[in-house]
Amino acid sequence: MHSIFDKKHNTNKALIESIILEQYNQYYRLAYSYVHNEADACDIVQTGAYKAIRNCYTLNQPEFAQTWVYRIMLNECFAFIRKPKALSYDAMQDEGMESAYTEEHDRDIDLQRAIDSLPEKDKAIILLRYFEDKKIEEIADILNENTNTIKSRLYRSMSKLRVALTDNKKQYKKIL
């Protein structure tokens, strides 16, 4: 036995689905105008459509259905904009967002630059030891070097990195 609630729900659902299909491009343009990214705009419209269909039973006045769906889409745009974004370093550079770095990102970038400034063999030792978790003996085998040579280069490279990172930290304090 179907209740009045089920009938209202099905009527609202069909109405909302038809509005979304008819106005999809309009909702997409709205979302795109906020986020300036095709994929994000599509995600916003999809999420908005899902929420509108899922909550169609709350629509009390079907004559305002278009306004109701439009408001849902706007709220999705606003929610997306407020949501913190996790961006890669490359994405930030592409979008001119270097200022969005956190202090931790700055340290990572400084470390990468300091490692890149090392001579190739020293850089290889640091990368193998600390990023690949290789033992000194394994590094010596890989680089075809004496174990003591690897130890002394590692010590010397760590000292260079320490100095480079300390200098960068002092430069940041002068700027601030």
Protein backbone atom coordinates (compact mmCIF):
# COMPACT_ATOMS: atom_id res chain seq x y z
CA MET A 1 0.00 0.00 0.00
CA HIS A 2 1.43 3.35 -1.06
CA SER A 3 1.10 6.32 1.22
CA ILE A 4 0.59 9.96 0.28
CA PHE A 5 4.22 10.51 1.29
CA ASP A 6 5.44 8.02 -1.36
CA LYS A 7 3.29 9.67 -4.04
CA LYS A 8 4.62 13.14 -3.14
CA HIS A 9 8.17 11.79 -3.06
CA ASN A 10 7.87 10.20 -6.51
CA THR A 11 6.25 13.33 -7.99
CA ASN A 12 8.95 15.57 -6.52
CA LYS A 13 11.68 13.20 -7.65
CA ALA A 14 10.46 13.20 -11.24
CA LEU A 15 10.12 17.00 -11.19
CA ILE A 16 13.64 17.50 -9.77
CA GLU A 17 15.16 15.04 -12.23
CA SER A 18 13.55 16.82 -15.18
CA ILE A 19 14.69 20.24 -13.93
CA ILE A 20 18.25 19.00 -13.48
CA LEU A 21 18.32 17.49 -16.96
CA GLU A 22 16.85 20.60 -18.59
CA GLN A 23 19.03 23.06 -16.68
CA TYR A 24 22.25 21.01 -16.42
CA ASN A 25 24.27 23.37 -18.66
CA GLN A 26 23.09 26.39 -16.68
CA TYR A 27 24.17 24.75 -13.41
CA TYR A 28 27.50 23.81 -14.95
CA ARG A 29 28.13 27.42 -16.09
CA LEU A 30 27.20 28.65 -12.63
CA ALA A 31 29.66 26.27 -10.96
CA TYR A 32 32.37 27.00 -13.52
CA SER A 33 32.02 30.74 -12.90
CA TYR A 34 32.94 30.10 -9.26
CA VAL A 35 35.71 27.50 -9.57
CA HIS A 36 37.17 28.09 -13.07
CA ASN A 37 37.89 24.40 -13.48
CA GLU A 38 35.89 21.99 -15.65
CA ALA A 39 36.35 18.91 -13.47
CA ASP A 40 35.49 20.75 -10.26
CA ALA A 41 32.42 22.33 -11.89
CA CYS A 42 31.23 18.88 -12.98
CA ASP A 43 31.78 17.53 -9.46
CA ILE A 44 29.78 20.39 -7.98
CA VAL A 45 26.85 19.83 -10.33
CA GLN A 46 26.90 16.08 -9.75
CA THR A 47 26.94 16.51 -5.97
CA GLY A 48 24.20 19.14 -6.16
CA ALA A 49 22.05 16.91 -8.34
CA TYR A 50 22.54 13.99 -5.97
CA LYS A 51 21.56 16.09 -2.96
CA ALA A 52 18.53 17.55 -4.72
CA ILE A 53 17.22 14.13 -5.72
CA ARG A 54 18.05 12.60 -2.34
CA ASN A 55 16.22 15.38 -0.47
CA CYS A 56 13.35 15.92 -2.90
CA TYR A 57 10.84 14.85 -0.24
CA THR A 58 11.60 18.11 1.64
CA LEU A 59 10.30 20.23 -1.26
CA ASN A 60 6.93 21.48 -0.04
CA GLN A 61 6.00 23.73 -2.95
CA PRO A 62 6.73 22.19 -6.34
CA GLU A 63 6.22 25.57 -8.04
CA PHE A 64 9.52 26.68 -6.45
CA ALA A 65 11.44 23.57 -7.49
CA GLN A 66 13.72 25.40 -9.96
CA THR A 67 14.68 27.98 -7.34
CA TRP A 68 15.19 25.21 -4.79
CA VAL A 69 17.58 23.26 -7.06
CA TYR A 70 19.40 26.47 -8.05
CA ARG A 71 19.95 27.25 -4.36
CA ILE A 72 21.32 23.76 -3.76
CA MET A 73 23.77 24.28 -6.64
CA LEU A 74 24.85 27.65 -5.22
CA ASN A 75 25.36 26.12 -1.79
CA GLU A 76 27.53 23.40 -3.36
CA CYS A 77 29.63 26.08 -5.06
CA PHE A 78 30.08 27.92 -1.77
CA ALA A 79 30.91 24.71 0.09
CA PHE A 80 33.49 23.78 -2.53
CA ILE A 81 35.15 27.20 -2.32
CA ARG A 82 35.30 27.05 1.49
CA LYS A 83 36.78 23.54 1.47
CA PRO A 84 40.58 23.60 1.93
CA LYS A 85 42.43 22.37 -1.11
CA ALA A 86 45.38 20.03 -1.13
CA LEU A 87 47.54 21.16 -4.02
CA SER A 88 50.83 19.88 -5.24
CA TYR A 89 53.81 22.19 -5.60
CA ASP A 90 53.48 22.00 -9.41
CA ALA A 91 49.79 22.89 -9.27
CA MET A 92 50.53 25.89 -7.06
CA GLN A 93 53.19 27.12 -9.47
CA ASP A 94 50.85 26.63 -12.43
CA GLU A 95 48.16 28.66 -10.69
CA GLY A 96 50.55 31.28 -9.32
CA MET A 97 49.84 30.28 -5.75
CA GLU A 98 53.32 30.19 -4.29
CA SER A 99 52.04 32.24 -1.36
CA ALA A 100 49.77 29.36 -0.31
CA TYR A 101 52.69 27.39 1.14
CA THR A 102 52.66 26.45 4.74
CA GLU A 103 55.81 26.58 6.80
CA GLU A 104 56.12 22.81 6.42
CA HIS A 105 55.96 23.06 2.63
CA ASP A 106 58.65 25.75 2.75
CA ARG A 107 60.92 23.42 4.70
CA ASP A 108 60.31 20.61 2.21
CA ILE A 109 61.11 22.89 -0.71
CA ASP A 110 64.20 24.24 1.03
CA LEU A 111 65.37 20.70 1.75
CA GLN A 112 64.83 19.68 -1.87
CA ARG A 113 66.77 22.69 -3.11
CA ALA A 114 69.60 22.02 -0.66
CA ILE A 115 69.80 18.37 -1.74
CA ASP A 116 69.76 19.41 -5.40
CA SER A 117 72.72 21.72 -4.77
CA LEU A 118 74.93 18.81 -3.63
CA PRO A 119 77.36 17.12 -6.03
CA GLU A 120 75.74 14.14 -7.77
CA LYS A 121 77.49 11.40 -5.75
CA ASP A 122 76.74 13.14 -2.45
CA LYS A 123 73.13 13.68 -3.50
CA ALA A 124 72.84 10.00 -4.39
CA ILE A 125 74.14 9.00 -0.96
CA ILE A 126 71.60 11.23 0.83
CA LEU A 127 68.72 9.97 -1.31
CA LEU A 128 69.65 6.33 -0.94
CA ARG A 129 70.22 6.59 2.80
CA TYR A 130 67.31 8.75 3.91
CA PHE A 131 64.70 8.40 1.19
CA GLU A 132 65.29 4.80 0.17
CA ASP A 133 66.33 3.58 3.66
CA LYS A 134 69.44 1.82 2.35
CA LYS A 135 72.22 0.77 4.69
CA ILE A 136 75.72 2.19 4.31
CA GLU A 137 76.99 -1.14 2.97
CA GLU A 138 74.21 -1.28 0.36
CA ILE A 139 74.98 2.27 -0.76
CA ALA A 140 78.66 1.38 -1.08
CA ASP A 141 77.74 -1.58 -3.28
CA ILE A 142 75.36 0.47 -5.41
CA LEU A 143 77.89 3.28 -5.95
CA ASN A 144 80.85 0.89 -6.13
CA GLU A 145 82.65 2.80 -3.37
CA ASN A 146 84.40 1.91 -0.12
CA THR A 147 82.15 1.89 2.98
CA ASN A 148 84.37 4.44 4.75
CA THR A 149 84.18 6.76 1.72
CA ILE A 150 80.38 6.57 1.85
CA LYS A 151 80.41 7.34 5.59
CA SER A 152 82.63 10.40 5.17
CA ARG A 153 80.60 11.71 2.19
CA LEU A 154 77.39 11.18 4.12
CA TYR A 155 78.77 13.10 7.11
CA ARG A 156 80.07 15.91 4.89
CA SER A 157 76.77 16.10 2.93
CA MET A 158 74.72 16.25 6.12
CA SER A 159 76.89 19.13 7.33
CA LYS A 160 76.36 20.98 4.05
CA LEU A 161 72.59 20.45 4.25
CA ARG A 162 72.50 21.65 7.86
CA VAL A 163 74.34 24.85 6.90
CA ALA A 164 72.15 25.44 3.84
CA LEU A 165 68.93 24.95 5.79
CA THR A 166 70.13 27.16 8.67
CA ASP A 167 71.02 29.92 6.18
CA ASN A 168 67.55 29.68 4.61
CA LYS A 169 65.92 29.92 8.03
CA LYS A 170 67.94 33.07 8.81
CA GLN A 171 66.90 34.61 5.50
CA TYR A 172 63.21 33.99 6.27
CA LYS A 173 63.56 35.64 9.68
CA LYS A 174 65.11 38.72 8.03
CA ILE A 175 62.18 38.96 5.61
CA LEU A 176 59.60 38.59 8.37
